[in-house]
Amino acid sequence: MVHEGFLTREHEEARLAAGQAALRRFREDQLQPGAVVPAYVERDFSFFLDGDRIRGRMDRVDIERMPADQAHDGAGERQLADVTSPSLPGLHPERVTITDYKSSDVRDPAKARERARDSLQLQIYAMAYQAESGRLPTRYNCGSSNRA
């Protein structure tokens, strides 16, 4: 029996094996020293745009606290482009990265950046994050669940 969404039993087994390998690599990556632990994985969102409700699920959101010596939030000082200053005193600057995992191969960093820049899905994720938090994320990433 072939389940819905698969061409053959072999196709289904190959996709299962690829998914299991991707999960093993993800876990290995997360156990490395200094790894960023996701703030959200598969986070549901809902917002309205011109009267239409937009709903979906973001693959991954990372929120990294920036050390004080890496970001400036003083008046008149130049802000790093990828760092968001907190609006409340006493909070630390953060870098927010939204990742859209793809099942296709995006090993080439230039191609991954181009995909992220042109991704309607990531633009929608950014609008959703802004609707929830009041600010845009600082980075976008197209990750691959198929890297070797």
C-alpha atoms as a PDB file:
ATOM      1  CA  MET A   1       0.000   0.000   0.000  1.00  0.00           C
ATOM      2  CA  VAL A   2       1.260   3.486  -0.932  1.00  0.00           C
ATOM      3  CA  HIS A   3       0.142   6.330   1.340  1.00  0.00           C
ATOM      4  CA  GLU A   4      -1.254   9.556  -0.079  1.00  0.00           C
ATOM      5  CA  GLY A   5       1.399  12.007  -1.287  1.00  0.00           C
ATOM      6  CA  PHE A   6       3.911   9.368  -2.380  1.00  0.00           C
ATOM      7  CA  LEU A   7       4.494   7.975  -5.850  1.00  0.00           C
ATOM      8  CA  THR A   8       5.608   4.488  -4.847  1.00  0.00           C
ATOM      9  CA  ARG A   9       6.381   2.530  -1.688  1.00  0.00           C
ATOM     10  CA  GLU A  10      10.095   3.079  -2.442  1.00  0.00           C
ATOM     11  CA  HIS A  11       9.499   6.837  -2.694  1.00  0.00           C
ATOM     12  CA  GLU A  12       7.739   6.800   0.680  1.00  0.00           C
ATOM     13  CA  GLU A  13      10.567   4.821   2.299  1.00  0.00           C
ATOM     14  CA  ALA A  14      13.204   7.142   0.798  1.00  0.00           C
ATOM     15  CA  ARG A  15      11.403  10.250   2.128  1.00  0.00           C
ATOM     16  CA  LEU A  16      11.079   8.626   5.577  1.00  0.00           C
ATOM     17  CA  ALA A  17      14.807   7.816   5.621  1.00  0.00           C
ATOM     18  CA  ALA A  18      15.669  11.378   4.495  1.00  0.00           C
ATOM     19  CA  GLY A  19      13.447  12.811   7.245  1.00  0.00           C
ATOM     20  CA  GLN A  20      15.023  10.615   9.901  1.00  0.00           C
ATOM     21  CA  ALA A  21      18.524  11.602   8.738  1.00  0.00           C
ATOM     22  CA  ALA A  22      17.552  15.303   8.824  1.00  0.00           C
ATOM     23  CA  LEU A  23      16.294  14.930  12.403  1.00  0.00           C
ATOM     24  CA  ARG A  24      19.524  13.206  13.460  1.00  0.00           C
ATOM     25  CA  ARG A  25      21.604  16.033  11.901  1.00  0.00           C
ATOM     26  CA  PHE A  26      19.390  18.659  13.537  1.00  0.00           C
ATOM     27  CA  ARG A  27      19.851  17.023  16.945  1.00  0.00           C
ATOM     28  CA  GLU A  28      23.619  16.756  16.423  1.00  0.00           C
ATOM     29  CA  ASP A  29      23.770  20.435  15.469  1.00  0.00           C
ATOM     30  CA  GLN A  30      21.743  21.425  18.533  1.00  0.00           C
ATOM     31  CA  LEU A  31      24.106  19.534  20.856  1.00  0.00           C
ATOM     32  CA  GLN A  32      27.181  21.449  19.620  1.00  0.00           C
ATOM     33  CA  PRO A  33      28.696  24.031  22.004  1.00  0.00           C
ATOM     34  CA  GLY A  34      27.291  27.478  21.270  1.00  0.00           C
ATOM     35  CA  ALA A  35      24.352  26.165  19.242  1.00  0.00           C
ATOM     36  CA  VAL A  36      21.341  28.452  19.126  1.00  0.00           C
ATOM     37  CA  VAL A  37      18.312  26.792  20.689  1.00  0.00           C
ATOM     38  CA  PRO A  38      15.148  27.728  18.786  1.00  0.00           C
ATOM     39  CA  ALA A  39      12.724  29.975  20.636  1.00  0.00           C
ATOM     40  CA  TYR A  40       9.866  28.524  18.567  1.00  0.00           C
ATOM     41  CA  VAL A  41       9.490  25.533  16.264  1.00  0.00           C
ATOM     42  CA  GLU A  42       6.345  25.071  14.168  1.00  0.00           C
ATOM     43  CA  ARG A  43       4.810  28.212  15.700  1.00  0.00           C
ATOM     44  CA  ASP A  44       1.223  28.926  14.638  1.00  0.00           C
ATOM     45  CA  PHE A  45       0.374  32.473  13.603  1.00  0.00           C
ATOM     46  CA  SER A  46      -2.677  34.413  12.532  1.00  0.00           C
ATOM     47  CA  PHE A  47      -3.044  38.046  11.514  1.00  0.00           C
ATOM     48  CA  PHE A  48      -5.235  40.227   9.313  1.00  0.00           C
ATOM     49  CA  LEU A  49      -4.081  41.941   6.122  1.00  0.00           C
ATOM     50  CA  ASP A  50      -6.540  44.295   4.420  1.00  0.00           C
ATOM     51  CA  GLY A  51      -9.428  42.470   6.078  1.00  0.00           C
ATOM     52  CA  ASP A  52      -8.215  38.990   5.112  1.00  0.00           C
ATOM     53  CA  ARG A  53      -7.072  36.556   7.779  1.00  0.00           C
ATOM     54  CA  ILE A  54      -3.638  35.047   7.140  1.00  0.00           C
ATOM     55  CA  ARG A  55      -2.828  31.854   9.051  1.00  0.00           C
ATOM     56  CA  GLY A  56       0.128  29.550   8.985  1.00  0.00           C
ATOM     57  CA  ARG A  57       3.013  28.037  10.853  1.00  0.00           C
ATOM     58  CA  MET A  58       6.612  29.301  11.039  1.00  0.00           C
ATOM     59  CA  ASP A  59       9.204  26.543  10.847  1.00  0.00           C
ATOM     60  CA  ARG A  60      11.709  28.056  13.270  1.00  0.00           C
ATOM     61  CA  VAL A  61      12.328  31.320  15.130  1.00  0.00           C
ATOM     62  CA  ASP A  62      15.626  31.975  16.923  1.00  0.00           C
ATOM     63  CA  ILE A  63      15.940  34.853  19.378  1.00  0.00           C
ATOM     64  CA  GLU A  64      19.528  35.513  20.408  1.00  0.00           C
ATOM     65  CA  ARG A  65      20.473  37.958  23.144  1.00  0.00           C
ATOM     66  CA  MET A  66      23.291  40.173  21.899  1.00  0.00           C
ATOM     67  CA  PRO A  67      26.186  41.004  24.229  1.00  0.00           C
ATOM     68  CA  ALA A  68      26.342  44.692  25.081  1.00  0.00           C
ATOM     69  CA  ASP A  69      29.706  45.059  23.340  1.00  0.00           C
ATOM     70  CA  GLN A  70      28.269  43.816  20.014  1.00  0.00           C
ATOM     71  CA  ALA A  71      25.354  46.220  19.718  1.00  0.00           C
ATOM     72  CA  HIS A  72      24.813  49.826  20.625  1.00  0.00           C
ATOM     73  CA  ASP A  73      21.450  51.238  21.537  1.00  0.00           C
ATOM     74  CA  GLY A  74      22.498  54.686  22.693  1.00  0.00           C
ATOM     75  CA  ALA A  75      21.055  57.848  21.227  1.00  0.00           C
ATOM     76  CA  GLY A  76      22.796  58.877  18.042  1.00  0.00           C
ATOM     77  CA  GLU A  77      24.882  55.710  17.790  1.00  0.00           C
ATOM     78  CA  ARG A  78      24.764  53.615  14.668  1.00  0.00           C
ATOM     79  CA  GLN A  79      22.846  50.391  15.077  1.00  0.00           C
ATOM     80  CA  LEU A  80      24.074  47.133  13.545  1.00  0.00           C
ATOM     81  CA  ALA A  81      21.743  46.246  10.668  1.00  0.00           C
ATOM     82  CA  ASP A  82      20.891  42.815  12.030  1.00  0.00           C
ATOM     83  CA  VAL A  83      20.221  43.747  15.647  1.00  0.00           C
ATOM     84  CA  THR A  84      16.938  44.938  17.086  1.00  0.00           C
ATOM     85  CA  SER A  85      17.108  47.387  19.990  1.00  0.00           C
ATOM     86  CA  PRO A  86      14.625  46.837  22.767  1.00  0.00           C
ATOM     87  CA  SER A  87      12.060  49.548  23.283  1.00  0.00           C
ATOM     88  CA  LEU A  88      12.027  49.138  27.069  1.00  0.00           C
ATOM     89  CA  PRO A  89      14.992  50.246  29.198  1.00  0.00           C
ATOM     90  CA  GLY A  90      16.983  47.469  30.829  1.00  0.00           C
ATOM     91  CA  LEU A  91      16.386  44.928  28.075  1.00  0.00           C
ATOM     92  CA  HIS A  92      19.192  43.641  25.900  1.00  0.00           C
ATOM     93  CA  PRO A  93      19.386  43.917  22.100  1.00  0.00           C
ATOM     94  CA  GLU A  94      18.266  40.788  20.269  1.00  0.00           C
ATOM     95  CA  ARG A  95      18.826  39.209  16.876  1.00  0.00           C
ATOM     96  CA  VAL A  96      15.721  37.434  15.581  1.00  0.00           C
ATOM     97  CA  THR A  97      16.154  34.872  12.800  1.00  0.00           C
ATOM     98  CA  ILE A  98      13.266  33.155  11.032  1.00  0.00           C
ATOM     99  CA  THR A  99      14.096  29.942   9.174  1.00  0.00           C
ATOM    100  CA  ASP A 100      11.955  28.302   6.524  1.00  0.00           C
ATOM    101  CA  TYR A 101      13.087  24.711   6.116  1.00  0.00           C
ATOM    102  CA  LYS A 102      12.898  23.377   2.582  1.00  0.00           C
ATOM    103  CA  SER A 103      12.857  19.785   1.439  1.00  0.00           C
ATOM    104  CA  SER A 104      14.917  20.796  -1.591  1.00  0.00           C
ATOM    105  CA  ASP A 105      18.690  21.159  -1.557  1.00  0.00           C
ATOM    106  CA  VAL A 106      19.985  24.643  -0.625  1.00  0.00           C
ATOM    107  CA  ARG A 107      23.651  23.893   0.146  1.00  0.00           C
ATOM    108  CA  ASP A 108      24.943  26.833  -1.894  1.00  0.00           C
ATOM    109  CA  PRO A 109      24.979  29.860   0.485  1.00  0.00           C
ATOM    110  CA  ALA A 110      24.438  32.356  -2.369  1.00  0.00           C
ATOM    111  CA  LYS A 111      21.427  30.403  -3.626  1.00  0.00           C
ATOM    112  CA  ALA A 112      20.053  30.134  -0.072  1.00  0.00           C
ATOM    113  CA  ARG A 113      20.335  33.939   0.403  1.00  0.00           C
ATOM    114  CA  GLU A 114      18.620  34.519  -2.954  1.00  0.00           C
ATOM    115  CA  ARG A 115      15.810  32.129  -2.035  1.00  0.00           C
ATOM    116  CA  ALA A 116      15.364  33.828   1.343  1.00  0.00           C
ATOM    117  CA  ARG A 117      15.268  37.288  -0.274  1.00  0.00           C
ATOM    118  CA  ASP A 118      12.676  36.213  -2.855  1.00  0.00           C
ATOM    119  CA  SER A 119      10.583  33.970  -0.588  1.00  0.00           C
ATOM    120  CA  LEU A 120       6.943  35.001  -0.301  1.00  0.00           C
ATOM    121  CA  GLN A 121       6.631  32.529   2.557  1.00  0.00           C
ATOM    122  CA  LEU A 122       9.404  34.253   4.551  1.00  0.00           C
ATOM    123  CA  GLN A 123       7.824  37.646   3.840  1.00  0.00           C
ATOM    124  CA  ILE A 124       4.565  36.352   5.309  1.00  0.00           C
ATOM    125  CA  TYR A 125       6.445  34.942   8.321  1.00  0.00           C
ATOM    126  CA  ALA A 126       8.033  38.383   8.817  1.00  0.00           C
ATOM    127  CA  MET A 127       4.612  40.086   8.733  1.00  0.00           C
ATOM    128  CA  ALA A 128       3.308  37.520  11.229  1.00  0.00           C
ATOM    129  CA  TYR A 129       6.249  38.092  13.568  1.00  0.00           C
ATOM    130  CA  GLN A 130       5.741  41.847  13.321  1.00  0.00           C
ATOM    131  CA  ALA A 131       2.012  41.463  14.033  1.00  0.00           C
ATOM    132  CA  GLU A 132       2.839  39.463  17.179  1.00  0.00           C
ATOM    133  CA  SER A 133       5.873  41.366  18.458  1.00  0.00           C
ATOM    134  CA  GLY A 134       5.566  44.857  16.988  1.00  0.00           C
ATOM    135  CA  ARG A 135       8.879  44.577  15.105  1.00  0.00           C
ATOM    136  CA  LEU A 136      10.336  42.852  12.092  1.00  0.00           C
ATOM    137  CA  PRO A 137      12.777  39.950  12.409  1.00  0.00           C
ATOM    138  CA  THR A 138      16.385  40.830  11.665  1.00  0.00           C
ATOM    139  CA  ARG A 139      17.368  37.805   9.563  1.00  0.00           C
ATOM    140  CA  TYR A 140      15.739  35.309   7.233  1.00  0.00           C
ATOM    141  CA  ASN A 141      17.080  31.899   6.374  1.00  0.00           C
ATOM    142  CA  CYS A 142      16.134  29.141   3.942  1.00  0.00           C
ATOM    143  CA  GLY A 143      17.390  25.969   5.529  1.00  0.00           C
ATOM    144  CA  SER A 144      17.437  22.544   3.962  1.00  0.00           C
ATOM    145  CA  SER A 145      16.143  19.389   5.541  1.00  0.00           C
ATOM    146  CA  ASN A 146      18.015  17.521   2.802  1.00  0.00           C
ATOM    147  CA  ARG A 147      21.637  18.523   3.320  1.00  0.00           C
ATOM    148  CA  ALA A 148      24.125  15.684   3.152  1.00  0.00           C
END
